[in-house]
Amino acid sequence: MGAVVAPIVMFSAGWIVTSGSSHATAKEAAQAAIVENLTPICLSQFPADASRGTALAKLKALSQWNRADYVTASGWATMPGGGSANGLVASECARRLADLEK
């Protein structure tokens, strides 16, 4: 009986981690690290834009759902030497830019 109950208790308590859940956790951690490390680069590229005043006003006028697309199209979320923007970075960058004062 103990051989049946012990694994059930161990899995339900989280004492045993499957490879699938560990891969999912690692992927989430990696994505969070990417966003955390690349968002400041996106934010630092914004002031270099000559039209930043009107661009910020346009960004704030957009719905929350369209702001990441605007940041991506502006090129702020494209890393130097990179080919395309990361959607999660663009989304976080847009959120932080929308919180800025002019």
PDB file of N, CA and C in Angstrom:
ATOM      1  N   MET A   1       0.829  -1.182   0.000  1.00  0.00           N
ATOM      2  CA  MET A   1       0.000   0.000   0.000  1.00  0.00           C
ATOM      3  C   MET A   1       0.880   1.255   0.000  1.00  0.00           C
ATOM      4  N   GLY A   2       1.951   1.192   0.751  1.00  0.00           N
ATOM      5  CA  GLY A   2       2.867   2.331   0.809  1.00  0.00           C
ATOM      6  C   GLY A   2       3.515   2.618  -0.526  1.00  0.00           C
ATOM      7  N   ALA A   3       3.711   1.573  -1.332  1.00  0.00           N
ATOM      8  CA  ALA A   3       4.319   1.743  -2.645  1.00  0.00           C
ATOM      9  C   ALA A   3       3.389   2.499  -3.591  1.00  0.00           C
ATOM     10  N   VAL A   4       2.111   2.466  -3.335  1.00  0.00           N
ATOM     11  CA  VAL A   4       1.140   3.171  -4.166  1.00  0.00           C
ATOM     12  C   VAL A   4       0.929   4.591  -3.642  1.00  0.00           C
ATOM     13  N   VAL A   5       0.823   4.744  -2.356  1.00  0.00           N
ATOM     14  CA  VAL A   5       0.523   6.037  -1.740  1.00  0.00           C
ATOM     15  C   VAL A   5       1.725   6.981  -1.812  1.00  0.00           C
ATOM     16  N   ALA A   6       2.905   6.467  -1.594  1.00  0.00           N
ATOM     17  CA  ALA A   6       4.102   7.315  -1.561  1.00  0.00           C
ATOM     18  C   ALA A   6       4.300   8.103  -2.857  1.00  0.00           C
ATOM     19  N   PRO A   7       4.264   7.481  -4.036  1.00  0.00           N
ATOM     20  CA  PRO A   7       4.439   8.280  -5.268  1.00  0.00           C
ATOM     21  C   PRO A   7       3.331   9.312  -5.470  1.00  0.00           C
ATOM     22  N   ILE A   8       2.113   8.958  -5.097  1.00  0.00           N
ATOM     23  CA  ILE A   8       0.999   9.907  -5.240  1.00  0.00           C
ATOM     24  C   ILE A   8       1.244  11.140  -4.374  1.00  0.00           C
ATOM     25  N   VAL A   9       1.636  10.914  -3.149  1.00  0.00           N
ATOM     26  CA  VAL A   9       1.908  12.020  -2.235  1.00  0.00           C
ATOM     27  C   VAL A   9       3.104  12.837  -2.722  1.00  0.00           C
ATOM     28  N   MET A  10       4.140  12.168  -3.178  1.00  0.00           N
ATOM     29  CA  MET A  10       5.350  12.865  -3.605  1.00  0.00           C
ATOM     30  C   MET A  10       5.095  13.734  -4.848  1.00  0.00           C
ATOM     31  N   PHE A  11       4.328  13.229  -5.816  1.00  0.00           N
ATOM     32  CA  PHE A  11       4.010  14.017  -7.004  1.00  0.00           C
ATOM     33  C   PHE A  11       3.088  15.173  -6.672  1.00  0.00           C
ATOM     34  N   SER A  12       2.065  14.923  -5.867  1.00  0.00           N
ATOM     35  CA  SER A  12       1.109  15.984  -5.554  1.00  0.00           C
ATOM     36  C   SER A  12       1.733  17.063  -4.679  1.00  0.00           C
ATOM     37  N   ALA A  13       2.704  16.733  -3.869  1.00  0.00           N
ATOM     38  CA  ALA A  13       3.372  17.726  -3.020  1.00  0.00           C
ATOM     39  C   ALA A  13       4.457  18.473  -3.782  1.00  0.00           C
ATOM     40  N   GLY A  14       4.792  18.037  -4.975  1.00  0.00           N
ATOM     41  CA  GLY A  14       5.813  18.706  -5.768  1.00  0.00           C
ATOM     42  C   GLY A  14       7.225  18.280  -5.425  1.00  0.00           C
ATOM     43  N   TRP A  15       7.373  17.181  -4.732  1.00  0.00           N
ATOM     44  CA  TRP A  15       8.696  16.700  -4.353  1.00  0.00           C
ATOM     45  C   TRP A  15       9.414  16.030  -5.514  1.00  0.00           C
ATOM     46  N   ILE A  16       8.631  15.593  -6.500  1.00  0.00           N
ATOM     47  CA  ILE A  16       9.205  14.978  -7.690  1.00  0.00           C
ATOM     48  C   ILE A  16       8.863  15.870  -8.874  1.00  0.00           C
ATOM     49  N   VAL A  17       9.852  16.204  -9.656  1.00  0.00           N
ATOM     50  CA  VAL A  17       9.655  17.072 -10.813  1.00  0.00           C
ATOM     51  C   VAL A  17       9.920  16.242 -12.062  1.00  0.00           C
ATOM     52  N   THR A  18       8.977  16.302 -12.990  1.00  0.00           N
ATOM     53  CA  THR A  18       9.163  15.573 -14.240  1.00  0.00           C
ATOM     54  C   THR A  18      10.038  16.390 -15.187  1.00  0.00           C
ATOM     55  N   SER A  19      10.587  15.745 -16.183  1.00  0.00           N
ATOM     56  CA  SER A  19      11.440  16.464 -17.125  1.00  0.00           C
ATOM     57  C   SER A  19      10.639  17.499 -17.921  1.00  0.00           C
ATOM     58  N   GLY A  20       9.387  17.201 -18.192  1.00  0.00           N
ATOM     59  CA  GLY A  20       8.541  18.152 -18.922  1.00  0.00           C
ATOM     60  C   GLY A  20       8.313  19.429 -18.140  1.00  0.00           C
ATOM     61  N   SER A  21       8.030  19.295 -16.854  1.00  0.00           N
ATOM     62  CA  SER A  21       7.805  20.500 -16.059  1.00  0.00           C
ATOM     63  C   SER A  21       9.097  21.262 -15.815  1.00  0.00           C
ATOM     64  N   SER A  22      10.217  20.554 -15.711  1.00  0.00           N
ATOM     65  CA  SER A  22      11.488  21.258 -15.528  1.00  0.00           C
ATOM     66  C   SER A  22      11.885  22.008 -16.791  1.00  0.00           C
ATOM     67  N   HIS A  23      11.589  21.448 -17.969  1.00  0.00           N
ATOM     68  CA  HIS A  23      11.867  22.142 -19.228  1.00  0.00           C
ATOM     69  C   HIS A  23      10.986  23.389 -19.350  1.00  0.00           C
ATOM     70  N   ALA A  24       9.730  23.275 -18.968  1.00  0.00           N
ATOM     71  CA  ALA A  24       8.823  24.421 -19.033  1.00  0.00           C
ATOM     72  C   ALA A  24       9.283  25.527 -18.089  1.00  0.00           C
ATOM     73  N   THR A  25       9.707  25.143 -16.902  1.00  0.00           N
ATOM     74  CA  THR A  25      10.197  26.126 -15.935  1.00  0.00           C
ATOM     75  C   THR A  25      11.468  26.800 -16.442  1.00  0.00           C
ATOM     76  N   ALA A  26      12.353  26.035 -17.025  1.00  0.00           N
ATOM     77  CA  ALA A  26      13.596  26.594 -17.567  1.00  0.00           C
ATOM     78  C   ALA A  26      13.310  27.547 -18.722  1.00  0.00           C
ATOM     79  N   LYS A  27      12.353  27.194 -19.569  1.00  0.00           N
ATOM     80  CA  LYS A  27      12.008  28.053 -20.701  1.00  0.00           C
ATOM     81  C   LYS A  27      11.421  29.373 -20.213  1.00  0.00           C
ATOM     82  N   GLU A  28      10.561  29.319 -19.219  1.00  0.00           N
ATOM     83  CA  GLU A  28       9.970  30.538 -18.651  1.00  0.00           C
ATOM     84  C   GLU A  28      11.046  31.416 -18.026  1.00  0.00           C
ATOM     85  N   ALA A  29      11.984  30.809 -17.324  1.00  0.00           N
ATOM     86  CA  ALA A  29      13.069  31.561 -16.690  1.00  0.00           C
ATOM     87  C   ALA A  29      13.963  32.211 -17.746  1.00  0.00           C
ATOM     88  N   ALA A  30      14.232  31.497 -18.819  1.00  0.00           N
ATOM     89  CA  ALA A  30      15.070  32.041 -19.893  1.00  0.00           C
ATOM     90  C   ALA A  30      14.383  33.213 -20.577  1.00  0.00           C
ATOM     91  N   GLN A  31      13.089  33.094 -20.838  1.00  0.00           N
ATOM     92  CA  GLN A  31      12.345  34.186 -21.462  1.00  0.00           C
ATOM     93  C   GLN A  31      12.303  35.410 -20.551  1.00  0.00           C
ATOM     94  N   ALA A  32      12.109  35.192 -19.258  1.00  0.00           N
ATOM     95  CA  ALA A  32      12.096  36.309 -18.315  1.00  0.00           C
ATOM     96  C   ALA A  32      13.451  37.001 -18.272  1.00  0.00           C
ATOM     97  N   ALA A  33      14.528  36.233 -18.341  1.00  0.00           N
ATOM     98  CA  ALA A  33      15.874  36.810 -18.334  1.00  0.00           C
ATOM     99  C   ALA A  33      16.134  37.614 -19.605  1.00  0.00           C
ATOM    100  N   ILE A  34      15.664  37.118 -20.729  1.00  0.00           N
ATOM    101  CA  ILE A  34      15.823  37.840 -21.990  1.00  0.00           C
ATOM    102  C   ILE A  34      15.099  39.184 -21.919  1.00  0.00           C
ATOM    103  N   VAL A  35      13.870  39.164 -21.467  1.00  0.00           N
ATOM    104  CA  VAL A  35      13.096  40.400 -21.359  1.00  0.00           C
ATOM    105  C   VAL A  35      13.764  41.369 -20.392  1.00  0.00           C
ATOM    106  N   GLU A  36      14.204  40.863 -19.264  1.00  0.00           N
ATOM    107  CA  GLU A  36      14.834  41.707 -18.250  1.00  0.00           C
ATOM    108  C   GLU A  36      16.125  42.342 -18.763  1.00  0.00           C
ATOM    109  N   ASN A  37      16.882  41.615 -19.557  1.00  0.00           N
ATOM    110  CA  ASN A  37      18.169  42.117 -20.038  1.00  0.00           C
ATOM    111  C   ASN A  37      18.076  42.959 -21.307  1.00  0.00           C
ATOM    112  N   LEU A  38      17.088  42.716 -22.153  1.00  0.00           N
ATOM    113  CA  LEU A  38      16.999  43.435 -23.413  1.00  0.00           C
ATOM    114  C   LEU A  38      16.077  44.655 -23.379  1.00  0.00           C
ATOM    115  N   THR A  39      15.148  44.707 -22.434  1.00  0.00           N
ATOM    116  CA  THR A  39      14.248  45.856 -22.356  1.00  0.00           C
ATOM    117  C   THR A  39      15.000  47.162 -22.118  1.00  0.00           C
ATOM    118  N   PRO A  40      16.022  47.212 -21.257  1.00  0.00           N
ATOM    119  CA  PRO A  40      16.761  48.474 -21.110  1.00  0.00           C
ATOM    120  C   PRO A  40      17.413  48.951 -22.414  1.00  0.00           C
ATOM    121  N   ILE A  41      17.801  48.027 -23.290  1.00  0.00           N
ATOM    122  CA  ILE A  41      18.374  48.420 -24.577  1.00  0.00           C
ATOM    123  C   ILE A  41      17.296  49.076 -25.433  1.00  0.00           C
ATOM    124  N   CYS A  42      16.118  48.499 -25.432  1.00  0.00           N
ATOM    125  CA  CYS A  42      14.989  49.087 -26.156  1.00  0.00           C
ATOM    126  C   CYS A  42      14.704  50.487 -25.621  1.00  0.00           C
ATOM    127  N   LEU A  43      14.678  50.627 -24.314  1.00  0.00           N
ATOM    128  CA  LEU A  43      14.406  51.929 -23.704  1.00  0.00           C
ATOM    129  C   LEU A  43      15.502  52.943 -24.029  1.00  0.00           C
ATOM    130  N   SER A  44      16.731  52.491 -24.150  1.00  0.00           N
ATOM    131  CA  SER A  44      17.821  53.417 -24.460  1.00  0.00           C
ATOM    132  C   SER A  44      17.830  53.807 -25.939  1.00  0.00           C
ATOM    133  N   GLN A  45      17.206  53.013 -26.796  1.00  0.00           N
ATOM    134  CA  GLN A  45      17.130  53.350 -28.220  1.00  0.00           C
ATOM    135  C   GLN A  45      16.032  54.377 -28.488  1.00  0.00           C
ATOM    136  N   PHE A  46      15.060  54.474 -27.604  1.00  0.00           N
ATOM    137  CA  PHE A  46      13.961  55.427 -27.788  1.00  0.00           C
ATOM    138  C   PHE A  46      14.449  56.878 -27.813  1.00  0.00           C
ATOM    139  N   PRO A  47      15.283  57.341 -26.860  1.00  0.00           N
ATOM    140  CA  PRO A  47      15.712  58.750 -26.888  1.00  0.00           C
ATOM    141  C   PRO A  47      16.521  59.118 -28.131  1.00  0.00           C
ATOM    142  N   ALA A  48      17.113  58.159 -28.796  1.00  0.00           N
ATOM    143  CA  ALA A  48      17.900  58.434 -29.995  1.00  0.00           C
ATOM    144  C   ALA A  48      17.014  58.747 -31.209  1.00  0.00           C
ATOM    145  N   ASP A  49      15.730  58.442 -31.103  1.00  0.00           N
ATOM    146  CA  ASP A  49      14.798  58.694 -32.193  1.00  0.00           C
ATOM    147  C   ASP A  49      14.505  60.199 -32.264  1.00  0.00           C
ATOM    148  N   ALA A  50      14.713  60.797 -33.427  1.00  0.00           N
ATOM    149  CA  ALA A  50      14.512  62.235 -33.589  1.00  0.00           C
ATOM    150  C   ALA A  50      13.057  62.650 -33.362  1.00  0.00           C
ATOM    151  N   SER A  51      12.134  61.772 -33.640  1.00  0.00           N
ATOM    152  CA  SER A  51      10.712  62.093 -33.474  1.00  0.00           C
ATOM    153  C   SER A  51      10.137  61.502 -32.191  1.00  0.00           C
ATOM    154  N   ARG A  52      10.960  61.403 -31.165  1.00  0.00           N
ATOM    155  CA  ARG A  52      10.527  60.722 -29.946  1.00  0.00           C
ATOM    156  C   ARG A  52       9.336  61.391 -29.268  1.00  0.00           C
ATOM    157  N   GLY A  53       9.225  62.718 -29.346  1.00  0.00           N
ATOM    158  CA  GLY A  53       8.102  63.407 -28.706  1.00  0.00           C
ATOM    159  C   GLY A  53       6.772  63.017 -29.314  1.00  0.00           C
ATOM    160  N   THR A  54       6.690  63.065 -30.629  1.00  0.00           N
ATOM    161  CA  THR A  54       5.443  62.676 -31.280  1.00  0.00           C
ATOM    162  C   THR A  54       5.247  61.164 -31.231  1.00  0.00           C
ATOM    163  N   ALA A  55       6.349  60.426 -31.272  1.00  0.00           N
ATOM    164  CA  ALA A  55       6.244  58.967 -31.204  1.00  0.00           C
ATOM    165  C   ALA A  55       5.678  58.520 -29.863  1.00  0.00           C
ATOM    166  N   LEU A  56       6.104  59.180 -28.785  1.00  0.00           N
ATOM    167  CA  LEU A  56       5.589  58.818 -27.460  1.00  0.00           C
ATOM    168  C   LEU A  56       4.106  59.153 -27.356  1.00  0.00           C
ATOM    169  N   ALA A  57       3.711  60.284 -27.918  1.00  0.00           N
ATOM    170  CA  ALA A  57       2.290  60.653 -27.908  1.00  0.00           C
ATOM    171  C   ALA A  57       1.467  59.639 -28.704  1.00  0.00           C
ATOM    172  N   LYS A  58       1.987  59.208 -29.854  1.00  0.00           N
ATOM    173  CA  LYS A  58       1.284  58.198 -30.658  1.00  0.00           C
ATOM    174  C   LYS A  58       1.184  56.876 -29.899  1.00  0.00           C
ATOM    175  N   LEU A  59       2.277  56.513 -29.243  1.00  0.00           N
ATOM    176  CA  LEU A  59       2.288  55.261 -28.488  1.00  0.00           C
ATOM    177  C   LEU A  59       1.232  55.285 -27.393  1.00  0.00           C
ATOM    178  N   LYS A  60       1.170  56.388 -26.672  1.00  0.00           N
ATOM    179  CA  LYS A  60       0.201  56.489 -25.576  1.00  0.00           C
ATOM    180  C   LYS A  60      -1.228  56.528 -26.078  1.00  0.00           C
ATOM    181  N   ALA A  61      -1.438  57.021 -27.301  1.00  0.00           N
ATOM    182  CA  ALA A  61      -2.782  57.087 -27.867  1.00  0.00           C
ATOM    183  C   ALA A  61      -3.282  55.723 -28.333  1.00  0.00           C
ATOM    184  N   LEU A  62      -2.367  54.816 -28.585  1.00  0.00           N
ATOM    185  CA  LEU A  62      -2.757  53.475 -29.037  1.00  0.00           C
ATOM    186  C   LEU A  62      -3.333  52.658 -27.897  1.00  0.00           C
ATOM    187  N   SER A  63      -4.101  51.646 -28.254  1.00  0.00           N
ATOM    188  CA  SER A  63      -4.594  50.720 -27.234  1.00  0.00           C
ATOM    189  C   SER A  63      -3.418  49.896 -26.717  1.00  0.00           C
ATOM    190  N   GLN A  64      -3.576  49.389 -25.540  1.00  0.00           N
ATOM    191  CA  GLN A  64      -2.515  48.584 -24.921  1.00  0.00           C
ATOM    192  C   GLN A  64      -2.106  47.425 -25.815  1.00  0.00           C
ATOM    193  N   TRP A  65      -3.036  46.889 -26.587  1.00  0.00           N
ATOM    194  CA  TRP A  65      -2.783  45.706 -27.406  1.00  0.00           C
ATOM    195  C   TRP A  65      -1.973  46.036 -28.653  1.00  0.00           C
ATOM    196  N   ASN A  66      -1.967  47.291 -29.083  1.00  0.00           N
ATOM    197  CA  ASN A  66      -1.262  47.675 -30.309  1.00  0.00           C
ATOM    198  C   ASN A  66       0.091  48.330 -30.044  1.00  0.00           C
ATOM    199  N   ARG A  67       0.405  48.597 -28.807  1.00  0.00           N
ATOM    200  CA  ARG A  67       1.640  49.311 -28.480  1.00  0.00           C
ATOM    201  C   ARG A  67       2.891  48.513 -28.810  1.00  0.00           C
ATOM    202  N   ALA A  68       2.894  47.227 -28.558  1.00  0.00           N
ATOM    203  CA  ALA A  68       4.071  46.407 -28.857  1.00  0.00           C
ATOM    204  C   ALA A  68       4.353  46.398 -30.352  1.00  0.00           C
ATOM    205  N   ASP A  69       3.304  46.364 -31.177  1.00  0.00           N
ATOM    206  CA  ASP A  69       3.485  46.412 -32.631  1.00  0.00           C
ATOM    207  C   ASP A  69       4.103  47.743 -33.054  1.00  0.00           C
ATOM    208  N   TYR A  70       3.690  48.819 -32.411  1.00  0.00           N
ATOM    209  CA  TYR A  70       4.236  50.142 -32.722  1.00  0.00           C
ATOM    210  C   TYR A  70       5.722  50.219 -32.358  1.00  0.00           C
ATOM    211  N   VAL A  71       6.080  49.687 -31.185  1.00  0.00           N
ATOM    212  CA  VAL A  71       7.480  49.674 -30.756  1.00  0.00           C
ATOM    213  C   VAL A  71       8.312  48.814 -31.704  1.00  0.00           C
ATOM    214  N   THR A  72       7.766  47.697 -32.117  1.00  0.00           N
ATOM    215  CA  THR A  72       8.464  46.827 -33.074  1.00  0.00           C
ATOM    216  C   THR A  72       8.673  47.546 -34.403  1.00  0.00           C
ATOM    217  N   ALA A  73       7.622  48.205 -34.908  1.00  0.00           N
ATOM    218  CA  ALA A  73       7.714  48.915 -36.182  1.00  0.00           C
ATOM    219  C   ALA A  73       8.683  50.096 -36.108  1.00  0.00           C
ATOM    220  N   SER A  74       8.803  50.697 -34.945  1.00  0.00           N
ATOM    221  CA  SER A  74       9.714  51.839 -34.791  1.00  0.00           C
ATOM    222  C   SER A  74      11.181  51.417 -34.804  1.00  0.00           C
ATOM    223  N   GLY A  75      11.429  50.129 -34.525  1.00  0.00           N
ATOM    224  CA  GLY A  75      12.792  49.617 -34.512  1.00  0.00           C
ATOM    225  C   GLY A  75      13.472  49.682 -33.157  1.00  0.00           C
ATOM    226  N   TRP A  76      12.790  50.206 -32.150  1.00  0.00           N
ATOM    227  CA  TRP A  76      13.394  50.332 -30.821  1.00  0.00           C
ATOM    228  C   TRP A  76      13.657  48.971 -30.191  1.00  0.00           C
ATOM    229  N   ALA A  77      12.816  47.992 -30.488  1.00  0.00           N
ATOM    230  CA  ALA A  77      12.947  46.671 -29.871  1.00  0.00           C
ATOM    231  C   ALA A  77      13.868  45.742 -30.659  1.00  0.00           C
ATOM    232  N   THR A  78      14.412  46.227 -31.768  1.00  0.00           N
ATOM    233  CA  THR A  78      15.374  45.443 -32.529  1.00  0.00           C
ATOM    234  C   THR A  78      16.755  45.714 -31.959  1.00  0.00           C
ATOM    235  N   MET A  79      17.408  44.687 -31.515  1.00  0.00           N
ATOM    236  CA  MET A  79      18.707  44.850 -30.875  1.00  0.00           C
ATOM    237  C   MET A  79      19.783  45.173 -31.913  1.00  0.00           C
ATOM    238  N   PRO A  80      20.764  45.971 -31.518  1.00  0.00           N
ATOM    239  CA  PRO A  80      21.855  46.272 -32.455  1.00  0.00           C
ATOM    240  C   PRO A  80      22.487  44.982 -32.978  1.00  0.00           C
ATOM    241  N   GLY A  81      22.574  44.880 -34.270  1.00  0.00           N
ATOM    242  CA  GLY A  81      23.117  43.681 -34.893  1.00  0.00           C
ATOM    243  C   GLY A  81      22.095  42.576 -35.053  1.00  0.00           C
ATOM    244  N   GLY A  82      20.892  42.783 -34.532  1.00  0.00           N
ATOM    245  CA  GLY A  82      19.846  41.769 -34.630  1.00  0.00           C
ATOM    246  C   GLY A  82      19.001  41.975 -35.864  1.00  0.00           C
ATOM    247  N   GLY A  83      18.309  40.939 -36.240  1.00  0.00           N
ATOM    248  CA  GLY A  83      17.489  41.011 -37.435  1.00  0.00           C
ATOM    249  C   GLY A  83      16.044  41.353 -37.170  1.00  0.00           C
ATOM    250  N   SER A  84      15.513  40.891 -36.057  1.00  0.00           N
ATOM    251  CA  SER A  84      14.105  41.146 -35.760  1.00  0.00           C
ATOM    252  C   SER A  84      13.921  41.368 -34.262  1.00  0.00           C
ATOM    253  N   ALA A  85      12.799  41.961 -33.928  1.00  0.00           N
ATOM    254  CA  ALA A  85      12.498  42.280 -32.537  1.00  0.00           C
ATOM    255  C   ALA A  85      11.900  41.073 -31.819  1.00  0.00           C
ATOM    256  N   ASN A  86      12.136  41.003 -30.525  1.00  0.00           N
ATOM    257  CA  ASN A  86      11.516  39.999 -29.673  1.00  0.00           C
ATOM    258  C   ASN A  86      10.183  40.574 -29.211  1.00  0.00           C
ATOM    259  N   GLY A  87       9.100  39.839 -29.430  1.00  0.00           N
ATOM    260  CA  GLY A  87       7.769  40.324 -29.081  1.00  0.00           C
ATOM    261  C   GLY A  87       7.588  40.610 -27.600  1.00  0.00           C
ATOM    262  N   LEU A  88       8.173  39.783 -26.757  1.00  0.00           N
ATOM    263  CA  LEU A  88       8.050  40.005 -25.312  1.00  0.00           C
ATOM    264  C   LEU A  88       8.813  41.250 -24.882  1.00  0.00           C
ATOM    265  N   VAL A  89       9.962  41.484 -25.486  1.00  0.00           N
ATOM    266  CA  VAL A  89      10.744  42.689 -25.193  1.00  0.00           C
ATOM    267  C   VAL A  89       9.974  43.923 -25.673  1.00  0.00           C
ATOM    268  N   ALA A  90       9.406  43.855 -26.866  1.00  0.00           N
ATOM    269  CA  ALA A  90       8.633  44.975 -27.402  1.00  0.00           C
ATOM    270  C   ALA A  90       7.443  45.292 -26.507  1.00  0.00           C
ATOM    271  N   SER A  91       6.791  44.273 -26.006  1.00  0.00           N
ATOM    272  CA  SER A  91       5.641  44.470 -25.135  1.00  0.00           C
ATOM    273  C   SER A  91       6.039  45.142 -23.823  1.00  0.00           C
ATOM    274  N   GLU A  92       7.109  44.670 -23.205  1.00  0.00           N
ATOM    275  CA  GLU A  92       7.567  45.258 -21.944  1.00  0.00           C
ATOM    276  C   GLU A  92       8.093  46.674 -22.165  1.00  0.00           C
ATOM    277  N   CYS A  93       8.804  46.888 -23.261  1.00  0.00           N
ATOM    278  CA  CYS A  93       9.315  48.210 -23.590  1.00  0.00           C
ATOM    279  C   CYS A  93       8.148  49.185 -23.802  1.00  0.00           C
ATOM    280  N   ALA A  94       7.131  48.757 -24.519  1.00  0.00           N
ATOM    281  CA  ALA A  94       5.956  49.596 -24.753  1.00  0.00           C
ATOM    282  C   ALA A  94       5.261  49.938 -23.439  1.00  0.00           C
ATOM    283  N   ARG A  95       5.167  48.968 -22.547  1.00  0.00           N
ATOM    284  CA  ARG A  95       4.533  49.220 -21.254  1.00  0.00           C
ATOM    285  C   ARG A  95       5.295  50.276 -20.469  1.00  0.00           C
ATOM    286  N   ARG A  96       6.618  50.151 -20.458  1.00  0.00           N
ATOM    287  CA  ARG A  96       7.428  51.115 -19.715  1.00  0.00           C
ATOM    288  C   ARG A  96       7.444  52.486 -20.375  1.00  0.00           C
ATOM    289  N   LEU A  97       7.465  52.530 -21.695  1.00  0.00           N
ATOM    290  CA  LEU A  97       7.436  53.817 -22.389  1.00  0.00           C
ATOM    291  C   LEU A  97       6.108  54.526 -22.162  1.00  0.00           C
ATOM    292  N   ALA A  98       5.023  53.784 -22.141  1.00  0.00           N
ATOM    293  CA  ALA A  98       3.706  54.385 -21.929  1.00  0.00           C
ATOM    294  C   ALA A  98       3.599  54.989 -20.534  1.00  0.00           C
ATOM    295  N   ASP A  99       4.396  54.495 -19.598  1.00  0.00           N
ATOM    296  CA  ASP A  99       4.397  55.034 -18.232  1.00  0.00           C
ATOM    297  C   ASP A  99       5.256  56.288 -18.093  1.00  0.00           C
ATOM    298  N   LEU A 100       6.055  56.616 -19.134  1.00  0.00           N
ATOM    299  CA  LEU A 100       6.938  57.773 -19.077  1.00  0.00           C
ATOM    300  C   LEU A 100       6.137  59.067 -19.178  1.00  0.00           C
ATOM    301  N   GLU A 101       6.674  60.089 -18.564  1.00  0.00           N
ATOM    302  CA  GLU A 101       6.148  61.442 -18.750  1.00  0.00           C
ATOM    303  C   GLU A 101       6.914  62.059 -19.907  1.00  0.00           C
ATOM    304  N   LYS A 102       6.331  63.013 -20.577  1.00  0.00           N
ATOM    305  CA  LYS A 102       7.024  63.668 -21.692  1.00  0.00           C
ATOM    306  C   LYS A 102       8.193  64.370 -21.168  1.00  0.00           C
TER     307      LYS A 102
END
